[in-house]
PDB file of N, CA and C in Angstrom:
ATOM      1  N   MET A   1      15.068 -16.171 -14.352  1.00  0.00           N
ATOM      2  CA  MET A   1      14.656 -14.962 -13.249  1.00  0.00           C
ATOM      3  C   MET A   1      15.891 -14.906 -12.218  1.00  0.00           C
ATOM      4  N   LYS A   2      16.794 -15.391 -11.854  1.00  0.00           N
ATOM      5  CA  LYS A   2      17.846 -14.831 -11.561  1.00  0.00           C
ATOM      6  C   LYS A   2      18.984 -14.054 -12.247  1.00  0.00           C
ATOM      7  N   LYS A   3      19.293 -14.768 -13.746  1.00  0.00           N
ATOM      8  CA  LYS A   3      20.278 -13.745 -14.358  1.00  0.00           C
ATOM      9  C   LYS A   3      19.753 -12.760 -14.426  1.00  0.00           C
ATOM     10  N   SER A   4      18.140 -12.402 -14.656  1.00  0.00           N
ATOM     11  CA  SER A   4      17.226 -10.660 -15.137  1.00  0.00           C
ATOM     12  C   SER A   4      17.866 -10.307 -13.348  1.00  0.00           C
ATOM     13  N   ARG A   5      17.351 -10.989 -12.253  1.00  0.00           N
ATOM     14  CA  ARG A   5      17.417 -10.070 -11.182  1.00  0.00           C
ATOM     15  C   ARG A   5      18.886  -9.648 -10.874  1.00  0.00           C
ATOM     16  N   CYS A   6      19.994 -10.550 -11.473  1.00  0.00           N
ATOM     17  CA  CYS A   6      21.405 -10.374 -11.121  1.00  0.00           C
ATOM     18  C   CYS A   6      21.761  -8.887 -12.163  1.00  0.00           C
ATOM     19  N   ASN A   7      20.908  -8.665 -13.386  1.00  0.00           N
ATOM     20  CA  ASN A   7      21.674  -8.024 -14.120  1.00  0.00           C
ATOM     21  C   ASN A   7      21.053  -6.391 -14.140  1.00  0.00           C
ATOM     22  N   SER A   8      19.889  -6.647 -13.262  1.00  0.00           N
ATOM     23  CA  SER A   8      18.606  -6.026 -12.788  1.00  0.00           C
ATOM     24  C   SER A   8      19.742  -5.008 -11.336  1.00  0.00           C
ATOM     25  N   THR A   9      20.312  -5.732 -10.917  1.00  0.00           N
ATOM     26  CA  THR A   9      20.756  -5.281  -9.295  1.00  0.00           C
ATOM     27  C   THR A   9      22.132  -4.755 -10.146  1.00  0.00           C
ATOM     28  N   LEU A  10      22.682  -5.129 -11.055  1.00  0.00           N
ATOM     29  CA  LEU A  10      23.801  -4.124 -11.610  1.00  0.00           C
ATOM     30  C   LEU A  10      23.611  -2.899 -12.643  1.00  0.00           C
ATOM     31  N   ILE A  11      22.485  -3.091 -12.429  1.00  0.00           N
ATOM     32  CA  ILE A  11      21.669  -1.702 -13.860  1.00  0.00           C
ATOM     33  C   ILE A  11      21.787  -0.725 -12.324  1.00  0.00           C
ATOM     34  N   PHE A  12      20.797  -1.680 -11.166  1.00  0.00           N
ATOM     35  CA  PHE A  12      20.729  -0.012 -10.286  1.00  0.00           C
ATOM     36  C   PHE A  12      22.221  -0.053  -9.163  1.00  0.00           C
ATOM     37  N   GLY A  13      22.885  -0.453  -9.357  1.00  0.00           N
ATOM     38  CA  GLY A  13      23.818  -0.475  -8.638  1.00  0.00           C
ATOM     39  C   GLY A  13      24.807   0.571  -9.203  1.00  0.00           C
ATOM     40  N   VAL A  14      24.938   0.404 -10.738  1.00  0.00           N
ATOM     41  CA  VAL A  14      25.730   1.644 -11.546  1.00  0.00           C
ATOM     42  C   VAL A  14      25.060   2.770 -11.632  1.00  0.00           C
ATOM     43  N   LEU A  15      23.881   3.078 -11.588  1.00  0.00           N
ATOM     44  CA  LEU A  15      22.988   4.278 -11.439  1.00  0.00           C
ATOM     45  C   LEU A  15      23.419   4.921 -10.680  1.00  0.00           C
ATOM     46  N   PHE A  16      23.052   4.084  -9.045  1.00  0.00           N
ATOM     47  CA  PHE A  16      23.454   5.015  -7.692  1.00  0.00           C
ATOM     48  C   PHE A  16      25.017   5.297  -7.400  1.00  0.00           C
ATOM     49  N   LEU A  17      26.109   4.703  -8.507  1.00  0.00           N
ATOM     50  CA  LEU A  17      27.166   4.893  -8.521  1.00  0.00           C
ATOM     51  C   LEU A  17      27.460   6.376  -9.374  1.00  0.00           C
ATOM     52  N   LEU A  18      26.669   5.910 -10.058  1.00  0.00           N
ATOM     53  CA  LEU A  18      26.819   7.583 -10.854  1.00  0.00           C
ATOM     54  C   LEU A  18      25.922   8.666 -10.445  1.00  0.00           C
ATOM     55  N   LEU A  19      24.733   8.305  -9.845  1.00  0.00           N
ATOM     56  CA  LEU A  19      24.367   9.766  -9.232  1.00  0.00           C
ATOM     57  C   LEU A  19      24.891   9.633  -7.730  1.00  0.00           C
ATOM     58  N   GLN A  20      25.782   9.044  -6.818  1.00  0.00           N
ATOM     59  CA  GLN A  20      26.507   9.179  -6.017  1.00  0.00           C
ATOM     60  C   GLN A  20      27.986  10.162  -6.663  1.00  0.00           C
ATOM     61  N   ILE A  21      28.471   9.980  -7.733  1.00  0.00           N
ATOM     62  CA  ILE A  21      29.067  10.785  -8.236  1.00  0.00           C
ATOM     63  C   ILE A  21      28.589  12.328  -8.709  1.00  0.00           C
ATOM     64  N   LEU A  22      27.329  12.264  -8.949  1.00  0.00           N
ATOM     65  CA  LEU A  22      26.745  13.704  -9.586  1.00  0.00           C
ATOM     66  C   LEU A  22      26.838  14.444  -8.080  1.00  0.00           C
ATOM     67  N   SER A  23      26.419  13.916  -6.651  1.00  0.00           N
ATOM     68  CA  SER A  23      26.054  14.547  -5.890  1.00  0.00           C
ATOM     69  C   SER A  23      27.946  15.186  -5.282  1.00  0.00           C
ATOM     70  N   ILE A  24      28.852  14.180  -5.615  1.00  0.00           N
ATOM     71  CA  ILE A  24      29.671  15.047  -5.230  1.00  0.00           C
ATOM     72  C   ILE A  24      29.999  15.612  -5.615  1.00  0.00           C
ATOM     73  N   LEU A  25      30.061  16.080  -7.384  1.00  0.00           N
ATOM     74  CA  LEU A  25      30.482  16.908  -8.024  1.00  0.00           C
ATOM     75  C   LEU A  25      29.518  18.001  -7.541  1.00  0.00           C
ATOM     76  N   LEU A  26      28.501  18.108  -7.340  1.00  0.00           N
ATOM     77  CA  LEU A  26      27.878  19.198  -7.137  1.00  0.00           C
ATOM     78  C   LEU A  26      27.807  19.774  -5.632  1.00  0.00           C
ATOM     79  N   THR A  27      28.676  19.189  -5.008  1.00  0.00           N
ATOM     80  CA  THR A  27      29.005  19.706  -3.679  1.00  0.00           C
ATOM     81  C   THR A  27      30.265  20.866  -3.855  1.00  0.00           C
ATOM     82  N   GLN A  28      31.100  20.340  -4.962  1.00  0.00           N
ATOM     83  CA  GLN A  28      32.131  20.839  -5.362  1.00  0.00           C
ATOM     84  C   GLN A  28      32.429  22.242  -5.676  1.00  0.00           C
ATOM     85  N   TYR A  29      30.766  22.820  -5.928  1.00  0.00           N
ATOM     86  CA  TYR A  29      30.575  24.004  -5.921  1.00  0.00           C
ATOM     87  C   TYR A  29      30.004  24.883  -4.509  1.00  0.00           C
ATOM     88  N   ASN A  30      30.142  26.426  -4.920  1.00  0.00           N
ATOM     89  CA  ASN A  30      29.602  26.689  -3.698  1.00  0.00           C
ATOM     90  C   ASN A  30      28.079  27.027  -3.324  1.00  0.00           C
ATOM     91  N   ILE A  31      27.550  26.030  -2.629  1.00  0.00           N
ATOM     92  CA  ILE A  31      26.499  26.221  -2.525  1.00  0.00           C
ATOM     93  C   ILE A  31      25.651  27.499  -1.100  1.00  0.00           C
ATOM     94  N   SER A  32      25.173  28.403  -1.408  1.00  0.00           N
ATOM     95  CA  SER A  32      24.323  29.042  -0.433  1.00  0.00           C
ATOM     96  C   SER A  32      23.788  28.961   0.225  1.00  0.00           C
ATOM     97  N   ASN A  33      22.691  28.152  -0.001  1.00  0.00           N
ATOM     98  CA  ASN A  33      21.858  27.487   0.367  1.00  0.00           C
ATOM     99  C   ASN A  33      21.866  26.225   1.235  1.00  0.00           C
ATOM    100  N   PRO A  34      21.453  26.289   2.329  1.00  0.00           N
ATOM    101  CA  PRO A  34      22.373  25.208   2.985  1.00  0.00           C
ATOM    102  C   PRO A  34      21.088  24.244   2.854  1.00  0.00           C
ATOM    103  N   LEU A  35      20.004  24.163   2.481  1.00  0.00           N
ATOM    104  CA  LEU A  35      18.902  23.047   2.805  1.00  0.00           C
ATOM    105  C   LEU A  35      19.262  22.678   1.178  1.00  0.00           C
ATOM    106  N   THR A  36      19.786  23.470   0.301  1.00  0.00           N
ATOM    107  CA  THR A  36      20.434  22.891  -1.128  1.00  0.00           C
ATOM    108  C   THR A  36      21.733  21.606  -0.904  1.00  0.00           C
ATOM    109  N   LEU A  37      22.434  21.965   0.277  1.00  0.00           N
ATOM    110  CA  LEU A  37      23.293  21.416   1.089  1.00  0.00           C
ATOM    111  C   LEU A  37      22.952  20.211   1.375  1.00  0.00           C
ATOM    112  N   SER A  38      22.007  20.205   2.954  1.00  0.00           N
ATOM    113  CA  SER A  38      21.626  18.959   3.352  1.00  0.00           C
ATOM    114  C   SER A  38      20.611  18.338   2.487  1.00  0.00           C
ATOM    115  N   ILE A  39      20.168  18.488   1.513  1.00  0.00           N
ATOM    116  CA  ILE A  39      19.486  17.466   0.831  1.00  0.00           C
ATOM    117  C   ILE A  39      20.645  16.802  -0.002  1.00  0.00           C
ATOM    118  N   LEU A  40      21.334  17.649  -0.599  1.00  0.00           N
ATOM    119  CA  LEU A  40      23.065  17.016  -1.482  1.00  0.00           C
ATOM    120  C   LEU A  40      22.934  15.770  -0.725  1.00  0.00           C
ATOM    121  N   TYR A  41      23.779  15.674   1.145  1.00  0.00           N
ATOM    122  CA  TYR A  41      24.211  15.406   1.564  1.00  0.00           C
ATOM    123  C   TYR A  41      23.434  14.245   1.773  1.00  0.00           C
ATOM    124  N   VAL A  42      22.393  14.507   2.201  1.00  0.00           N
ATOM    125  CA  VAL A  42      21.427  13.313   2.245  1.00  0.00           C
ATOM    126  C   VAL A  42      21.095  12.037   1.403  1.00  0.00           C
ATOM    127  N   PHE A  43      21.255  12.530  -0.156  1.00  0.00           N
ATOM    128  CA  PHE A  43      21.439  12.143  -1.633  1.00  0.00           C
ATOM    129  C   PHE A  43      22.186  11.130  -0.955  1.00  0.00           C
ATOM    130  N   PHE A  44      23.367  11.730  -0.596  1.00  0.00           N
ATOM    131  CA  PHE A  44      24.836  10.873  -0.962  1.00  0.00           C
ATOM    132  C   PHE A  44      24.575  10.104  -0.108  1.00  0.00           C
ATOM    133  N   ILE A  45      24.227   9.924   1.234  1.00  0.00           N
ATOM    134  CA  ILE A  45      23.950   9.463   1.973  1.00  0.00           C
ATOM    135  C   ILE A  45      23.688   8.139   1.515  1.00  0.00           C
ATOM    136  N   VAL A  46      22.363   7.908   0.983  1.00  0.00           N
ATOM    137  CA  VAL A  46      21.340   7.439   0.524  1.00  0.00           C
ATOM    138  C   VAL A  46      21.431   6.292  -0.426  1.00  0.00           C
ATOM    139  N   SER A  47      22.564   6.940  -1.418  1.00  0.00           N
ATOM    140  CA  SER A  47      22.548   6.612  -2.272  1.00  0.00           C
ATOM    141  C   SER A  47      24.349   5.652  -2.170  1.00  0.00           C
ATOM    142  N   LEU A  48      25.012   6.433  -1.246  1.00  0.00           N
ATOM    143  CA  LEU A  48      25.742   5.275  -0.701  1.00  0.00           C
ATOM    144  C   LEU A  48      26.069   3.967   0.024  1.00  0.00           C
ATOM    145  N   VAL A  49      24.105   3.795   0.711  1.00  0.00           N
ATOM    146  CA  VAL A  49      23.933   3.204   1.316  1.00  0.00           C
ATOM    147  C   VAL A  49      23.389   2.108   0.149  1.00  0.00           C
ATOM    148  N   PHE A  50      22.799   2.549  -0.824  1.00  0.00           N
ATOM    149  CA  PHE A  50      22.154   1.823  -1.899  1.00  0.00           C
ATOM    150  C   PHE A  50      23.252   0.958  -2.531  1.00  0.00           C
ATOM    151  N   THR A  51      24.273   1.447  -2.632  1.00  0.00           N
ATOM    152  CA  THR A  51      25.705   1.001  -3.649  1.00  0.00           C
ATOM    153  C   THR A  51      26.368  -0.196  -2.854  1.00  0.00           C
ATOM    154  N   LEU A  52      26.508   0.391  -1.766  1.00  0.00           N
ATOM    155  CA  LEU A  52      26.931  -1.105  -1.016  1.00  0.00           C
ATOM    156  C   LEU A  52      25.590  -1.993  -0.620  1.00  0.00           C
ATOM    157  N   ILE A  53      24.346  -1.395  -0.571  1.00  0.00           N
ATOM    158  CA  ILE A  53      23.621  -3.090  -0.659  1.00  0.00           C
ATOM    159  C   ILE A  53      23.479  -3.796  -1.853  1.00  0.00           C
ATOM    160  N   MET A  54      23.718  -3.139  -2.840  1.00  0.00           N
ATOM    161  CA  MET A  54      23.680  -3.753  -4.020  1.00  0.00           C
ATOM    162  C   MET A  54      25.304  -4.289  -4.330  1.00  0.00           C
ATOM    163  N   ILE A  55      26.296  -4.112  -3.890  1.00  0.00           N
ATOM    164  CA  ILE A  55      27.651  -4.379  -3.848  1.00  0.00           C
ATOM    165  C   ILE A  55      27.636  -5.961  -3.552  1.00  0.00           C
ATOM    166  N   VAL A  56      26.970  -6.209  -2.172  1.00  0.00           N
ATOM    167  CA  VAL A  56      27.036  -7.251  -1.291  1.00  0.00           C
ATOM    168  C   VAL A  56      25.961  -8.294  -2.212  1.00  0.00           C
ATOM    169  N   ILE A  57      24.834  -7.622  -2.519  1.00  0.00           N
ATOM    170  CA  ILE A  57      23.898  -8.850  -3.225  1.00  0.00           C
ATOM    171  C   ILE A  57      24.582  -9.254  -4.199  1.00  0.00           C
ATOM    172  N   ILE A  58      25.340  -8.474  -4.895  1.00  0.00           N
ATOM    173  CA  ILE A  58      26.094  -9.100  -5.935  1.00  0.00           C
ATOM    174  C   ILE A  58      27.467 -10.091  -5.938  1.00  0.00           C
ATOM    175  N   THR A  59      27.871  -9.649  -4.634  1.00  0.00           N
ATOM    176  CA  THR A  59      29.170 -10.388  -4.340  1.00  0.00           C
ATOM    177  C   THR A  59      28.698 -11.841  -4.064  1.00  0.00           C
ATOM    178  N   LYS A  60      27.388 -11.933  -3.491  1.00  0.00           N
ATOM    179  CA  LYS A  60      26.249 -12.958  -2.308  1.00  0.00           C
ATOM    180  C   LYS A  60      26.339 -13.896  -4.158  1.00  0.00           C
ATOM    181  N   GLU A  61      25.513 -13.427  -5.219  1.00  0.00           N
ATOM    182  CA  GLU A  61      25.472 -13.974  -6.077  1.00  0.00           C
ATOM    183  C   GLU A  61      26.344 -14.675  -6.777  1.00  0.00           C
ATOM    184  N   MET A  62      27.972 -13.396  -6.465  1.00  0.00           N
ATOM    185  CA  MET A  62      28.594 -14.536  -7.165  1.00  0.00           C
ATOM    186  C   MET A  62      29.285 -15.443  -7.048  1.00  0.00           C
ATOM    187  N   LEU A  63      29.327 -15.261  -5.613  1.00  0.00           N
ATOM    188  CA  LEU A  63      30.640 -16.750  -4.586  1.00  0.00           C
ATOM    189  C   LEU A  63      29.363 -17.674  -4.687  1.00  0.00           C
ATOM    190  N   ARG A  64      27.844 -17.626  -4.978  1.00  0.00           N
ATOM    191  CA  ARG A  64      27.282 -18.426  -4.476  1.00  0.00           C
ATOM    192  C   ARG A  64      27.445 -19.578  -6.266  1.00  0.00           C
ATOM    193  N   ASP A  65      27.147 -19.458  -7.263  1.00  0.00           N
ATOM    194  CA  ASP A  65      28.066 -19.230  -8.519  1.00  0.00           C
ATOM    195  C   ASP A  65      29.119 -20.142  -8.476  1.00  0.00           C
ATOM    196  N   PHE A  66      30.216 -18.919  -7.876  1.00  0.00           N
ATOM    197  CA  PHE A  66      31.509 -19.728  -7.463  1.00  0.00           C
ATOM    198  C   PHE A  66      31.469 -21.404  -6.778  1.00  0.00           C
ATOM    199  N   LYS A  67      31.000 -21.327  -5.609  1.00  0.00           N
ATOM    200  CA  LYS A  67      30.589 -22.237  -5.143  1.00  0.00           C
ATOM    201  C   LYS A  67      30.132 -23.940  -5.725  1.00  0.00           C
ATOM    202  N   LYS A  68      29.009 -23.354  -6.525  1.00  0.00           N
ATOM    203  CA  LYS A  68      28.639 -24.130  -7.697  1.00  0.00           C
ATOM    204  C   LYS A  68      29.549 -24.685  -7.992  1.00  0.00           C
ATOM    205  N   LEU A  69      30.584 -24.186  -8.833  1.00  0.00           N
ATOM    206  CA  LEU A  69      31.444 -24.329 -10.457  1.00  0.00           C
ATOM    207  C   LEU A  69      32.365 -25.083  -9.342  1.00  0.00           C
ATOM    208  N   ILE A  70      33.004 -24.668  -8.152  1.00  0.00           N
ATOM    209  CA  ILE A  70      33.257 -25.605  -7.870  1.00  0.00           C
ATOM    210  C   ILE A  70      33.300 -26.845  -7.656  1.00  0.00           C
ATOM    211  N   SER A  71      32.028 -27.278  -6.764  1.00  0.00           N
ATOM    212  CA  SER A  71      31.673 -28.495  -6.418  1.00  0.00           C
ATOM    213  C   SER A  71      31.253 -29.156  -7.681  1.00  0.00           C
ATOM    214  N   ASP A  72      30.776 -28.674  -8.750  1.00  0.00           N
ATOM    215  CA  ASP A  72      30.801 -29.016 -10.173  1.00  0.00           C
ATOM    216  C   ASP A  72      31.979 -29.355 -11.073  1.00  0.00           C
ATOM    217  N   ILE A  73      33.382 -29.046 -10.778  1.00  0.00           N
ATOM    218  CA  ILE A  73      34.535 -29.134 -10.495  1.00  0.00           C
ATOM    219  C   ILE A  73      35.033 -30.614 -10.073  1.00  0.00           C
ATOM    220  N   PHE A  74      34.468 -30.540  -8.804  1.00  0.00           N
ATOM    221  CA  PHE A  74      35.230 -31.485  -8.009  1.00  0.00           C
ATOM    222  C   PHE A  74      34.047 -32.885  -8.144  1.00  0.00           C
ATOM    223  N   SER A  75      33.356 -32.740  -8.113  1.00  0.00           N
ATOM    224  CA  SER A  75      31.984 -34.002  -8.586  1.00  0.00           C
ATOM    225  C   SER A  75      32.647 -34.756 -10.184  1.00  0.00           C
ATOM    226  N   GLN A  76      33.122 -33.589 -11.098  1.00  0.00           N
ATOM    227  CA  GLN A  76      33.723 -34.148 -12.952  1.00  0.00           C
ATOM    228  C   GLN A  76      35.084 -34.685 -12.524  1.00  0.00           C
ATOM    229  N   LYS A  77      35.793 -34.095 -11.313  1.00  0.00           N
ATOM    230  CA  LYS A  77      37.135 -35.644 -10.711  1.00  0.00           C
ATOM    231  C   LYS A  77      36.578 -36.585 -10.559  1.00  0.00           C
ATOM    232  N   LYS A  78      35.537 -36.650  -9.287  1.00  0.00           N
ATOM    233  CA  LYS A  78      35.406 -37.619  -9.159  1.00  0.00           C
ATOM    234  C   LYS A  78      34.802 -39.028  -9.443  1.00  0.00           C
ATOM    235  N   GLU A  79      33.967 -38.033 -10.846  1.00  0.00           N
ATOM    236  CA  GLU A  79      33.623 -39.606 -11.503  1.00  0.00           C
ATOM    237  C   GLU A  79      34.596 -39.810 -12.420  1.00  0.00           C
ATOM    238  N   LYS A  80      35.674 -39.755 -12.674  1.00  0.00           N
ATOM    239  CA  LYS A  80      36.686 -40.129 -13.636  1.00  0.00           C
ATOM    240  C   LYS A  80      37.997 -41.079 -12.496  1.00  0.00           C
TER     241      LYS A  80
END
């Protein structure tokens, strides 16, 4: 379950990053409707927050795996 959770987290992170890039590209055009522009800015902020949350979750899981790997290496050295 951990592996699928990490994979789905990575997929959601990439998805929100792509949506964020799309919103940046859309704001480059001259949009005269302020409602559309405000919706794009809200979408940009929400996708940025979700992207940061996904990065934090992935980093935490990677650090946990790295700590386990280091402890395994040291335990193998102590056994020898």
